């Protein structure tokens, strides 16, 4: 009996740590999207550095280009403690953004444009290190619910731009917006990393609980309710007529409270654990022995529970990078991401200039709106997985087809000059881009396995810097060309009018249509695999 009680207590403690690590990842992801707030201060940064639109675009590319070396973080996660990988990543961000902040505040006077470019590249790479830790811990701790857990946590990264924007609006002057964002980008990730590092770990389930999956199911149900409520609040508070009635500090307090609410799950688990332990200790006084038959049954139930959880995760093949890049499915998947989510990310990176060229003065509100809808987009795949347990899996490529097509439509809608079309298109692109980003994590796992995931997925997302350079640079060239041809320009070389990005949106829309077609091909090739029904409990 003491052995059984000890095992039960160990399992309950593991479950508590499991949920506590999920909360820690939520906090990390909510401040790890430092590149997503770039549009909110890019115009001011352009003036402070006295650079052209092409040079500004190069800085946006540099942030994404850091992902080219994201595989370093994947390798590091295989050989170093995860807490150390986390600290390394946040320290890289401190250096990358911190030195830029010191330069803009005149504490450093000898930084050239290319120094700023390299520092932005370093800061972009730091995001990969933190993401790698978050993905590895989430997938390992919630193996049978990996898409649900990954979707929830990555959705909070979509909220990053709103968190940073609300902090800046609440505590900093609009004239110092660029400096404020760079300061927060440098210190917040490291501060949160130091707080959560002691509790961020892979849990070892030596003695699994019989009802472990059921407990996870209800636990995720609670987290979903909290997360959806957070998303609704984020969207509503981003709307212009609402934000004008509530102070920036009030909006920020609401966001911070919502980030602490997921703690209710590990606290509840701990309370249940204590109550259960009390009942077990009380039971010891009346129960003196177990029969061999009971022990045998219990052992078999445990093994069946372990088996069920393992069988829930289905992969097409377990391969490393060398074999992965030789697969047609990889290149189809890579291209679908490139012509879908990556173009959406390039649009969001240029949102400041796009809004400015169209005469919109609510750039911060637009960035917050795109962040909030991106939050819901990243969450959608998790909701689908959560409510489809026990049924045939929905094909990830099929989901990508359904998500890439609306992005294409949104770019053509942007040919309309009304402000409502700008907001609708931004919301659609934010939702679909976020959803594809979330789906991609599970797609990489399902197509190429979990063993080499940390390296494989960093190779997949290398399409982001490639697309950022190709699509962003071409957009900057067209922007400059239209600026020279336009009758409405200002002294800073900024292009004003619908023509500034009209051709760019047409080109991007056509590429997204191509991405939709490639996603259809990938769906056809993987249809048999996704039609398999995984074993659920």
Protein backbone atom coordinates (compact mmCIF):
# COMPACT_ATOMS: atom_id res chain seq x y z
CA UNK A 1 0.00 0.00 0.00
CA UNK A 2 2.73 2.60 0.75
CA UNK A 3 4.27 1.86 -2.65
CA UNK A 4 0.95 2.45 -4.42
CA UNK A 5 0.37 5.66 -2.51
CA UNK A 6 3.86 6.90 -3.32
CA UNK A 7 3.34 6.16 -7.02
CA UNK A 8 0.00 7.96 -7.05
CA UNK A 9 1.52 10.99 -5.32
CA UNK A 10 4.42 11.02 -7.80
CA UNK A 11 1.99 10.91 -10.72
CA UNK A 12 -0.09 13.78 -9.32
CA UNK A 13 3.00 15.90 -8.72
CA UNK A 14 4.11 15.24 -12.29
CA UNK A 15 0.71 16.35 -13.59
CA UNK A 16 0.95 19.58 -11.58
CA UNK A 17 4.40 20.32 -13.00
CA UNK A 18 3.10 19.47 -16.45
CA UNK A 19 0.40 22.12 -16.29
CA UNK A 20 2.70 24.61 -14.58
CA UNK A 21 5.14 24.25 -17.48
CA UNK A 22 2.28 24.97 -19.89
CA UNK A 23 1.49 28.21 -18.06
CA UNK A 24 5.19 29.13 -18.17
CA UNK A 25 5.21 28.58 -21.95
CA UNK A 26 2.09 30.74 -22.32
CA UNK A 27 3.90 33.58 -20.56
CA UNK A 28 6.99 33.11 -22.71
CA UNK A 29 5.05 33.06 -25.95
CA UNK A 30 3.04 36.14 -25.04
CA UNK A 31 6.24 38.22 -25.10
CA UNK A 32 8.34 36.24 -27.60
CA UNK A 33 6.81 37.72 -30.77
CA UNK A 34 9.12 40.73 -30.64
CA UNK A 35 9.31 40.88 -34.44
CA UNK A 36 5.53 41.24 -34.73
CA UNK A 37 5.53 44.71 -33.13
CA UNK A 38 7.95 46.08 -35.76
CA UNK A 39 5.16 47.73 -37.82
CA UNK A 40 4.11 49.76 -34.78
CA UNK A 41 7.40 51.68 -34.69
CA UNK A 42 8.93 51.09 -38.14
CA UNK A 43 7.93 54.52 -39.54
CA UNK A 44 9.49 56.33 -36.59
CA UNK A 45 12.59 54.13 -36.78
CA UNK A 46 12.89 55.00 -40.46
CA UNK A 47 13.02 58.70 -39.59
CA UNK A 48 15.39 58.30 -36.64
CA UNK A 49 17.88 56.30 -38.70
CA UNK A 50 17.30 58.43 -41.84
CA UNK A 51 16.98 55.37 -44.06
CA UNK A 52 15.00 54.55 -47.20
CA UNK A 53 12.05 52.21 -47.54
CA UNK A 54 14.32 49.53 -49.03
CA UNK A 55 16.72 49.82 -46.09
CA UNK A 56 13.78 49.63 -43.69
CA UNK A 57 12.55 46.54 -45.49
CA UNK A 58 16.03 45.05 -45.10
CA UNK A 59 15.69 45.45 -41.32
CA UNK A 60 12.34 43.61 -41.42
CA UNK A 61 14.06 40.91 -43.47
CA UNK A 62 16.96 40.76 -40.99
CA UNK A 63 14.54 39.92 -38.17
CA UNK A 64 13.14 37.03 -40.21
CA UNK A 65 16.59 36.05 -41.52
CA UNK A 66 17.56 35.04 -38.00
CA UNK A 67 15.42 31.94 -38.62
CA UNK A 68 17.96 30.77 -41.21
CA UNK A 69 20.13 29.71 -38.30
CA UNK A 70 17.27 28.55 -36.12
CA UNK A 71 18.53 24.98 -36.50
CA UNK A 72 21.36 25.91 -34.12
CA UNK A 73 18.77 26.12 -31.38
CA UNK A 74 17.42 22.73 -32.46
CA UNK A 75 20.86 21.16 -32.08
CA UNK A 76 21.42 22.94 -28.78
CA UNK A 77 18.17 21.51 -27.39
CA UNK A 78 19.52 18.00 -28.04
CA UNK A 79 22.71 18.49 -26.02
CA UNK A 80 22.09 21.31 -23.53
CA UNK A 81 19.61 21.67 -20.65
CA UNK A 82 16.47 23.39 -21.90
CA UNK A 83 16.74 26.14 -19.28
CA UNK A 84 20.18 27.02 -20.65
CA UNK A 85 18.85 27.10 -24.25
CA UNK A 86 16.13 29.46 -23.03
CA UNK A 87 18.59 31.80 -21.32
CA UNK A 88 20.88 31.82 -24.36
CA UNK A 89 17.98 32.78 -26.60
CA UNK A 90 16.74 35.60 -24.37
CA UNK A 91 20.30 36.91 -23.95
CA UNK A 92 20.72 37.11 -27.73
CA UNK A 93 17.57 39.25 -27.80
CA UNK A 94 18.94 41.45 -25.04
CA UNK A 95 22.09 42.11 -27.08
CA UNK A 96 20.31 42.53 -30.42
CA UNK A 97 17.60 44.96 -29.30
CA UNK A 98 19.50 46.45 -26.33
CA UNK A 99 22.39 47.84 -28.37
CA UNK A 100 19.92 49.40 -30.82
CA UNK A 101 18.13 51.04 -27.90
CA UNK A 102 21.41 52.42 -26.57
CA UNK A 103 22.22 53.76 -30.02
CA UNK A 104 18.90 55.58 -30.37
CA UNK A 105 19.30 57.05 -26.86
CA UNK A 106 22.82 58.26 -27.82
CA UNK A 107 24.64 56.04 -25.32
CA UNK A 108 26.41 54.44 -28.29
CA UNK A 109 27.48 56.66 -31.18
CA UNK A 110 29.40 54.48 -33.62
CA UNK A 111 26.78 52.08 -34.98
CA UNK A 112 26.40 52.04 -38.76
CA UNK A 113 23.31 50.88 -40.64
CA UNK A 114 24.88 47.45 -41.19
CA UNK A 115 25.58 47.14 -37.48
CA UNK A 116 21.88 47.73 -36.86
CA UNK A 117 21.10 45.14 -39.56
CA UNK A 118 23.28 42.49 -37.88
CA UNK A 119 21.85 43.28 -34.44
CA UNK A 120 18.32 42.87 -35.82
CA UNK A 121 19.41 39.55 -37.35
CA UNK A 122 20.70 38.43 -33.94
CA UNK A 123 17.48 39.48 -32.24
CA UNK A 124 15.45 37.54 -34.82
CA UNK A 125 17.50 34.43 -34.14
CA UNK A 126 16.78 34.73 -30.41
CA UNK A 127 13.08 34.09 -31.11
CA UNK A 128 13.98 30.67 -32.57
CA UNK A 129 15.77 29.60 -29.38
CA UNK A 130 12.80 30.45 -27.18
CA UNK A 131 10.34 28.88 -29.63
CA UNK A 132 12.37 25.66 -29.78
CA UNK A 133 12.26 25.28 -25.99
CA UNK A 134 8.51 25.97 -25.97
CA UNK A 135 7.78 23.46 -28.73
CA UNK A 136 9.97 20.70 -27.29
CA UNK A 137 8.54 20.97 -23.77
CA UNK A 138 4.95 21.21 -25.02
CA UNK A 139 5.17 18.22 -27.36
CA UNK A 140 7.03 16.01 -24.86
CA UNK A 141 4.77 16.89 -21.91
CA UNK A 142 1.49 16.54 -23.83
CA UNK A 143 2.39 13.90 -26.39
CA UNK A 144 -1.18 12.72 -26.94
CA UNK A 145 -2.54 16.27 -27.06
CA UNK A 146 0.39 17.92 -28.86
CA UNK A 147 -1.63 19.91 -31.45
CA UNK A 148 -3.99 21.17 -28.78
CA UNK A 149 -1.16 22.22 -26.46
CA UNK A 150 1.00 23.72 -29.22
CA UNK A 151 -1.95 25.62 -30.69
CA UNK A 152 -2.89 27.15 -27.35
CA UNK A 153 0.64 28.23 -26.48
CA UNK A 154 1.55 29.58 -29.93
CA UNK A 155 -1.71 31.54 -30.03
CA UNK A 156 -0.32 33.68 -27.24
CA UNK A 157 2.64 34.60 -29.43
CA UNK A 158 0.07 36.12 -31.75
CA UNK A 159 -0.88 38.32 -28.83
CA UNK A 160 2.67 39.66 -28.37
CA UNK A 161 2.26 42.75 -30.54
CA UNK A 162 -0.81 43.78 -28.57
CA UNK A 163 0.93 43.25 -25.23
CA UNK A 164 3.90 45.40 -26.26
CA UNK A 165 1.70 48.03 -27.89
CA UNK A 166 -0.46 48.37 -24.78
CA UNK A 167 2.62 48.69 -22.53
CA UNK A 168 4.08 51.41 -24.77
CA UNK A 169 0.77 53.29 -25.01
CA UNK A 170 0.32 53.12 -21.23
CA UNK A 171 3.79 54.18 -20.06
CA UNK A 172 5.69 55.88 -22.90
CA UNK A 173 5.34 59.01 -25.00
CA UNK A 174 4.34 58.57 -28.67
CA UNK A 175 7.46 60.56 -29.61
CA UNK A 176 9.66 57.85 -28.07
CA UNK A 177 7.79 54.89 -29.51
CA UNK A 178 10.75 53.31 -31.34
CA UNK A 179 13.00 53.57 -28.29
CA UNK A 180 10.28 52.16 -26.03
CA UNK A 181 9.66 49.11 -28.22
CA UNK A 182 13.38 48.35 -28.52
CA UNK A 183 13.82 48.65 -24.75
CA UNK A 184 10.90 46.32 -24.01
CA UNK A 185 11.97 43.86 -26.72
CA UNK A 186 15.36 43.58 -25.07
CA UNK A 187 14.42 43.19 -21.40
CA UNK A 188 10.98 41.52 -21.22
CA UNK A 189 11.90 38.13 -22.77
CA UNK A 190 14.96 37.78 -20.52
CA UNK A 191 13.00 38.81 -17.42
CA UNK A 192 10.25 36.25 -18.07
CA UNK A 193 12.82 33.59 -19.01
CA UNK A 194 14.56 34.02 -15.65
CA UNK A 195 11.22 33.69 -13.84
CA UNK A 196 10.04 30.53 -15.63
CA UNK A 197 13.36 28.72 -16.19
CA UNK A 198 13.16 26.75 -12.89
CA UNK A 199 9.73 25.28 -13.75
CA UNK A 200 10.15 24.80 -17.50
CA UNK A 201 11.07 21.14 -17.95
CA UNK A 202 10.10 17.85 -19.53
CA UNK A 203 8.09 15.84 -17.02
CA UNK A 204 8.89 12.16 -16.55
CA UNK A 205 5.83 9.96 -16.17
CA UNK A 206 7.30 6.92 -14.44
CA UNK A 207 3.91 5.95 -13.03
CA UNK A 208 1.11 7.25 -15.24
CA UNK A 209 -2.35 7.88 -13.93
CA UNK A 210 -5.14 5.73 -15.37
CA UNK A 211 -7.29 8.76 -16.12
CA UNK A 212 -4.37 10.91 -17.28
CA UNK A 213 -5.82 11.60 -20.75
CA UNK A 214 -9.27 12.40 -19.30
CA UNK A 215 -7.70 14.83 -16.86
CA UNK A 216 -5.85 16.48 -19.75
CA UNK A 217 -9.08 16.69 -21.74
CA UNK A 218 -10.90 18.59 -18.99
CA UNK A 219 -7.81 20.66 -18.18
CA UNK A 220 -7.54 21.82 -21.77
CA UNK A 221 -11.25 22.59 -21.72
CA UNK A 222 -10.67 25.10 -18.92
CA UNK A 223 -7.63 26.56 -20.67
CA UNK A 224 -9.63 26.94 -23.89
CA UNK A 225 -12.33 28.92 -22.10
CA UNK A 226 -9.70 31.23 -20.60
CA UNK A 227 -7.85 31.56 -23.90
CA UNK A 228 -10.97 32.33 -25.93
CA UNK A 229 -12.06 34.91 -23.35
CA UNK A 230 -8.58 36.47 -23.60
CA UNK A 231 -8.84 36.58 -27.39
CA UNK A 232 -12.29 38.17 -27.34
CA UNK A 233 -11.06 40.79 -24.90
CA UNK A 234 -8.00 41.45 -27.09
CA UNK A 235 -10.11 41.94 -30.22
CA UNK A 236 -12.77 44.11 -28.55
CA UNK A 237 -10.18 46.31 -26.81
CA UNK A 238 -8.40 46.81 -30.16
CA UNK A 239 -11.47 48.31 -31.82
CA UNK A 240 -11.19 52.07 -32.17
CA UNK A 241 -14.49 53.04 -30.55
CA UNK A 242 -13.72 50.83 -27.53
CA UNK A 243 -10.07 51.81 -27.08
CA UNK A 244 -11.07 55.46 -26.99
CA UNK A 245 -13.32 54.80 -23.97
CA UNK A 246 -10.84 52.70 -21.97
CA UNK A 247 -7.42 53.98 -20.95
CA UNK A 248 -4.33 52.20 -22.25
CA UNK A 249 -3.45 51.25 -18.69
CA UNK A 250 -6.90 49.75 -18.17
CA UNK A 251 -6.56 47.63 -21.33
CA UNK A 252 -3.09 46.49 -20.22
CA UNK A 253 -4.31 45.46 -16.76
CA UNK A 254 -7.03 43.36 -18.39
CA UNK A 255 -4.45 41.59 -20.58
CA UNK A 256 -2.15 40.91 -17.62
CA UNK A 257 -5.02 39.47 -15.56
CA UNK A 258 -5.94 37.17 -18.45
CA UNK A 259 -2.34 35.90 -18.62
CA UNK A 260 -2.48 34.86 -14.95
CA UNK A 261 -5.82 33.04 -15.25
CA UNK A 262 -4.31 29.80 -16.70
CA UNK A 263 -2.66 29.31 -13.30
CA UNK A 264 -6.10 28.14 -12.14
CA UNK A 265 -5.46 24.76 -13.79
CA UNK A 266 -2.22 23.75 -11.97
CA UNK A 267 -3.62 25.19 -8.73
CA UNK A 268 -6.77 23.08 -9.15
CA UNK A 269 -4.69 19.99 -9.94
CA UNK A 270 -2.63 20.56 -6.79
CA UNK A 271 -5.75 20.94 -4.65
CA UNK A 272 -7.19 17.72 -6.11
CA UNK A 273 -3.85 16.03 -5.42
CA UNK A 274 -3.91 17.11 -1.76
CA UNK A 275 -7.52 16.00 -1.28
CA UNK A 276 -6.79 12.66 -2.93
CA UNK A 277 -3.70 12.17 -0.76
CA UNK A 278 -5.75 12.87 2.36
CA UNK A 279 -8.34 10.24 1.33
CA UNK A 280 -5.61 7.71 0.56
CA UNK A 281 -3.95 8.21 3.94
CA UNK A 282 -7.32 7.75 5.57
CA UNK A 283 -7.88 4.56 3.57
CA UNK A 284 -4.59 3.10 4.85
CA UNK A 285 -6.13 2.66 8.28
CA UNK A 286 -8.72 0.24 6.86
CA UNK A 287 -6.98 -1.52 3.99
CA UNK A 288 -4.07 -3.88 4.83
CA UNK A 289 -3.22 -5.72 1.65
CA UNK A 290 -3.98 -6.13 -2.04
CA UNK A 291 -4.41 -9.46 -3.74
CA UNK A 292 -2.04 -10.49 -6.52
CA UNK A 293 -4.99 -10.41 -8.89
CA UNK A 294 -5.70 -6.76 -8.13
CA UNK A 295 -2.07 -5.81 -8.60
CA UNK A 296 -1.96 -7.70 -11.89
CA UNK A 297 -5.08 -5.91 -13.13
CA UNK A 298 -3.71 -2.53 -12.08
CA UNK A 299 -0.41 -3.18 -13.83
CA UNK A 300 -2.18 -4.15 -17.04
CA UNK A 301 -4.35 -1.03 -16.90
CA UNK A 302 -1.26 1.13 -16.54
CA UNK A 303 0.40 -0.54 -19.50
CA UNK A 304 -2.74 -0.17 -21.60
CA UNK A 305 -2.92 3.51 -20.65
CA UNK A 306 0.71 3.99 -21.68
CA UNK A 307 0.10 2.14 -24.92
CA UNK A 308 -2.94 4.20 -25.78
CA UNK A 309 -1.10 7.46 -25.27
CA UNK A 310 1.78 6.33 -27.45
CA UNK A 311 -0.50 5.14 -30.26
CA UNK A 312 -2.32 8.43 -30.35
CA UNK A 313 0.62 10.11 -32.07
CA UNK A 314 0.82 8.93 -35.70
CA UNK A 315 3.68 9.91 -38.00
CA UNK A 316 4.10 9.22 -41.70
CA UNK A 317 7.81 8.50 -41.31
CA UNK A 318 10.50 9.18 -38.70
CA UNK A 319 13.35 10.85 -40.60
CA UNK A 320 16.07 13.46 -40.17
CA UNK A 321 16.95 16.51 -42.24
CA UNK A 322 19.08 14.65 -44.81
CA UNK A 323 16.18 12.44 -45.86
CA UNK A 324 13.50 15.08 -45.33
CA UNK A 325 14.91 17.47 -47.97
CA UNK A 326 14.82 14.61 -50.51
CA UNK A 327 11.07 14.15 -50.12
CA UNK A 328 8.61 15.73 -52.59
CA UNK A 329 6.18 16.23 -49.69
CA UNK A 330 8.73 18.44 -47.96
CA UNK A 331 9.14 20.77 -50.94
CA UNK A 332 5.39 20.95 -51.47
CA UNK A 333 4.92 21.74 -47.79
CA UNK A 334 7.79 24.26 -47.85
CA UNK A 335 6.26 26.02 -50.88
CA UNK A 336 2.75 26.08 -49.41
CA UNK A 337 4.13 27.78 -46.29
CA UNK A 338 6.17 30.18 -48.45
CA UNK A 339 3.20 31.20 -50.64
CA UNK A 340 0.74 31.38 -47.76
CA UNK A 341 1.74 32.23 -44.22
CA UNK A 342 5.07 33.83 -45.18
CA UNK A 343 3.45 36.30 -47.58
CA UNK A 344 0.96 37.07 -44.80
CA UNK A 345 3.84 37.75 -42.41
CA UNK A 346 5.52 40.05 -44.96
CA UNK A 347 2.25 41.98 -45.25
CA UNK A 348 2.04 42.33 -41.47
CA UNK A 349 5.70 43.45 -41.32
CA UNK A 350 4.85 46.24 -43.78
CA UNK A 351 1.56 47.15 -42.13
CA UNK A 352 2.92 50.45 -40.82
CA UNK A 353 3.88 51.71 -44.28
CA UNK A 354 0.73 50.26 -45.86
CA UNK A 355 -1.53 52.09 -43.40
CA UNK A 356 0.51 55.26 -43.76
CA UNK A 357 0.34 55.23 -47.56
CA UNK A 358 -3.45 54.84 -47.43
CA UNK A 359 -3.76 57.82 -45.11
CA UNK A 360 -4.72 55.83 -42.02
CA UNK A 361 -3.63 57.37 -38.72
CA UNK A 362 -4.54 54.38 -36.53
CA UNK A 363 -1.45 52.25 -37.08
CA UNK A 364 -1.26 51.09 -33.45
CA UNK A 365 -4.92 50.07 -33.49
CA UNK A 366 -4.40 48.19 -36.77
CA UNK A 367 -1.33 46.36 -35.40
CA UNK A 368 -3.26 45.42 -32.26
CA UNK A 369 -6.14 44.18 -34.40
CA UNK A 370 -3.88 42.03 -36.57
CA UNK A 371 -2.24 40.65 -33.42
CA UNK A 372 -5.59 39.81 -31.85
CA UNK A 373 -6.92 38.05 -34.95
CA UNK A 374 -3.60 36.25 -35.30
CA UNK A 375 -4.18 35.03 -31.76
CA UNK A 376 -7.49 33.43 -32.78
CA UNK A 377 -5.98 32.06 -35.96
CA UNK A 378 -3.30 30.18 -34.05
CA UNK A 379 -5.95 28.86 -31.67
CA UNK A 380 -8.37 27.51 -34.32
CA UNK A 381 -6.45 24.29 -35.16
CA UNK A 382 -6.35 23.38 -31.47
CA UNK A 383 -10.11 23.77 -31.16
CA UNK A 384 -10.59 21.51 -34.18
CA UNK A 385 -8.33 18.84 -32.67
CA UNK A 386 -9.97 19.15 -29.27
CA UNK A 387 -13.48 18.54 -30.58
CA UNK A 388 -12.48 15.86 -33.11
CA UNK A 389 -10.90 13.44 -30.68
CA UNK A 390 -11.97 9.87 -31.46
CA UNK A 391 -12.69 10.72 -35.10
CA UNK A 392 -10.59 10.55 -38.26
CA UNK A 393 -7.97 13.25 -38.31
CA UNK A 394 -8.52 16.34 -40.43
CA UNK A 395 -5.82 16.61 -43.05
CA UNK A 396 -3.40 19.45 -42.25
CA UNK A 397 -2.83 20.13 -45.98
CA UNK A 398 -6.62 20.36 -46.44
CA UNK A 399 -6.69 22.97 -43.68
CA UNK A 400 -3.92 24.86 -45.48
CA UNK A 401 -6.01 24.89 -48.66
CA UNK A 402 -8.91 26.41 -46.73
CA UNK A 403 -6.61 29.02 -45.14
CA UNK A 404 -4.40 30.07 -48.07
CA UNK A 405 -7.34 30.84 -50.40
CA UNK A 406 -8.81 33.61 -48.14
CA UNK A 407 -5.37 35.29 -47.93
CA UNK A 408 -5.36 35.53 -51.73
CA UNK A 409 -8.86 37.06 -51.68
CA UNK A 410 -7.82 39.53 -48.96
CA UNK A 411 -4.99 40.91 -51.13
CA UNK A 412 -7.37 41.55 -54.00
CA UNK A 413 -9.83 43.19 -51.58
CA UNK A 414 -7.07 45.64 -50.67
CA UNK A 415 -7.47 47.18 -54.14
CA UNK A 416 -10.49 48.89 -52.58
CA UNK A 417 -9.52 52.25 -51.07
CA UNK A 418 -11.97 52.24 -48.14
CA UNK A 419 -10.64 51.90 -44.60
CA UNK A 420 -13.07 49.07 -43.84
CA UNK A 421 -11.45 46.97 -46.59
CA UNK A 422 -8.06 47.57 -44.94
CA UNK A 423 -9.36 46.36 -41.58
CA UNK A 424 -11.20 43.34 -43.03
CA UNK A 425 -8.22 42.26 -45.13
CA UNK A 426 -5.83 42.68 -42.18
CA UNK A 427 -8.11 40.61 -39.96
CA UNK A 428 -8.40 37.83 -42.57
CA UNK A 429 -4.65 37.76 -43.21
CA UNK A 430 -3.96 37.78 -39.45
CA UNK A 431 -6.33 34.86 -38.78
CA UNK A 432 -5.18 32.68 -41.68
CA UNK A 433 -1.47 33.38 -41.23
CA UNK A 434 -1.71 32.57 -37.53
CA UNK A 435 -3.61 29.34 -38.21
CA UNK A 436 -1.08 28.11 -40.79
CA UNK A 437 1.77 28.91 -38.40
CA UNK A 438 0.11 26.80 -35.71
CA UNK A 439 -0.78 23.93 -38.07
CA UNK A 440 2.79 23.83 -39.37
CA UNK A 441 4.15 22.58 -36.04
CA UNK A 442 1.92 19.51 -36.11
CA UNK A 443 2.38 19.03 -39.86
CA UNK A 444 6.15 18.78 -39.44
CA UNK A 445 5.67 16.27 -36.63
CA UNK A 446 3.15 14.13 -38.51
CA UNK A 447 4.98 14.05 -41.84
CA UNK A 448 8.56 13.72 -40.58
CA UNK A 449 8.35 12.49 -36.98
CA UNK A 450 9.07 13.76 -33.47
CA UNK A 451 12.61 12.50 -32.95
CA UNK A 452 14.26 15.18 -35.11
CA UNK A 453 11.48 17.76 -34.82
CA UNK A 454 13.58 20.56 -33.28
CA UNK A 455 15.94 20.59 -36.28
CA UNK A 456 13.40 19.66 -38.97
CA UNK A 457 10.94 22.41 -38.13
CA UNK A 458 13.67 25.07 -38.03
CA UNK A 459 14.60 24.00 -41.57
CA UNK A 460 10.94 24.30 -42.64
CA UNK A 461 10.59 27.84 -41.25
CA UNK A 462 13.73 28.88 -43.12
CA UNK A 463 11.22 29.74 -45.87
CA UNK A 464 10.21 32.79 -43.81
CA UNK A 465 13.46 34.77 -44.26
CA UNK A 466 13.64 33.69 -47.89
CA UNK A 467 10.10 34.93 -48.52
CA UNK A 468 10.67 38.02 -46.43
CA UNK A 469 13.59 38.98 -48.63
CA UNK A 470 12.01 38.12 -51.99
CA UNK A 471 8.52 39.49 -51.38
CA UNK A 472 9.55 42.31 -49.09
CA UNK A 473 12.37 43.56 -51.31
CA UNK A 474 10.22 43.51 -54.44
CA UNK A 475 7.49 45.39 -52.55
CA UNK A 476 10.03 48.01 -51.45
CA UNK A 477 11.23 48.49 -55.04
CA UNK A 478 7.67 48.93 -56.29
CA UNK A 479 6.98 51.29 -53.36
CA UNK A 480 9.97 53.45 -54.32
CA UNK A 481 8.99 53.38 -58.00
CA UNK A 482 5.44 54.49 -57.25
CA UNK A 483 6.81 57.10 -54.86
CA UNK A 484 8.81 58.67 -57.69
CA UNK A 485 5.81 58.55 -60.03
CA UNK A 486 3.30 59.77 -57.45
CA UNK A 487 2.22 63.35 -57.17
CA UNK A 488 1.80 62.91 -53.42
CA UNK A 489 5.12 62.43 -51.63
CA UNK A 490 6.69 64.00 -48.59
CA UNK A 491 10.18 65.03 -47.60
CA UNK A 492 11.09 61.62 -46.19
CA UNK A 493 10.64 59.78 -49.48
CA UNK A 494 7.37 58.20 -48.38
CA UNK A 495 4.85 57.21 -51.03
CA UNK A 496 1.28 58.31 -50.43
CA UNK A 497 -1.73 56.86 -52.21
CA UNK A 498 -3.34 53.58 -53.26
CA UNK A 499 -0.82 52.99 -56.05
CA UNK A 500 2.06 52.52 -53.59
CA UNK A 501 1.17 48.88 -52.90
CA UNK A 502 -1.52 48.14 -55.53
CA UNK A 503 0.75 46.12 -57.85
CA UNK A 504 2.35 44.39 -54.86
CA UNK A 505 -1.03 43.19 -53.59
CA UNK A 506 -1.92 41.77 -57.01
CA UNK A 507 1.36 39.86 -57.18
CA UNK A 508 1.00 38.56 -53.61
CA UNK A 509 -2.59 37.51 -54.31
CA UNK A 510 -1.49 35.46 -57.32
CA UNK A 511 1.27 33.78 -55.33
CA UNK A 512 -1.21 32.85 -52.61
CA UNK A 513 -3.46 31.32 -55.27
CA UNK A 514 -0.44 29.23 -56.36
CA UNK A 515 0.06 28.22 -52.71
CA UNK A 516 -3.56 27.05 -52.58
CA UNK A 517 -3.01 24.86 -55.64
CA UNK A 518 0.17 23.33 -54.17
CA UNK A 519 -1.67 22.65 -50.91
CA UNK A 520 -4.29 20.71 -52.91
CA UNK A 521 -1.51 18.56 -54.40
CA UNK A 522 0.00 17.93 -50.94
CA UNK A 523 -3.46 17.00 -49.65
CA UNK A 524 -3.92 14.47 -52.47
CA UNK A 525 -0.50 12.92 -51.76
CA UNK A 526 -1.10 12.57 -48.01
CA UNK A 527 -4.82 11.78 -48.04
CA UNK A 528 -4.36 8.08 -47.30
CA UNK A 529 -2.14 8.82 -44.32
CA UNK A 530 -4.56 11.31 -42.77
CA UNK A 531 -7.53 9.02 -43.37
CA UNK A 532 -6.12 6.58 -40.81
CA UNK A 533 -8.06 6.66 -37.55
CA UNK A 534 -5.74 6.98 -34.54
CA UNK A 535 -6.52 4.99 -31.40
CA UNK A 536 -8.10 7.27 -28.79
CA UNK A 537 -9.22 6.52 -25.30
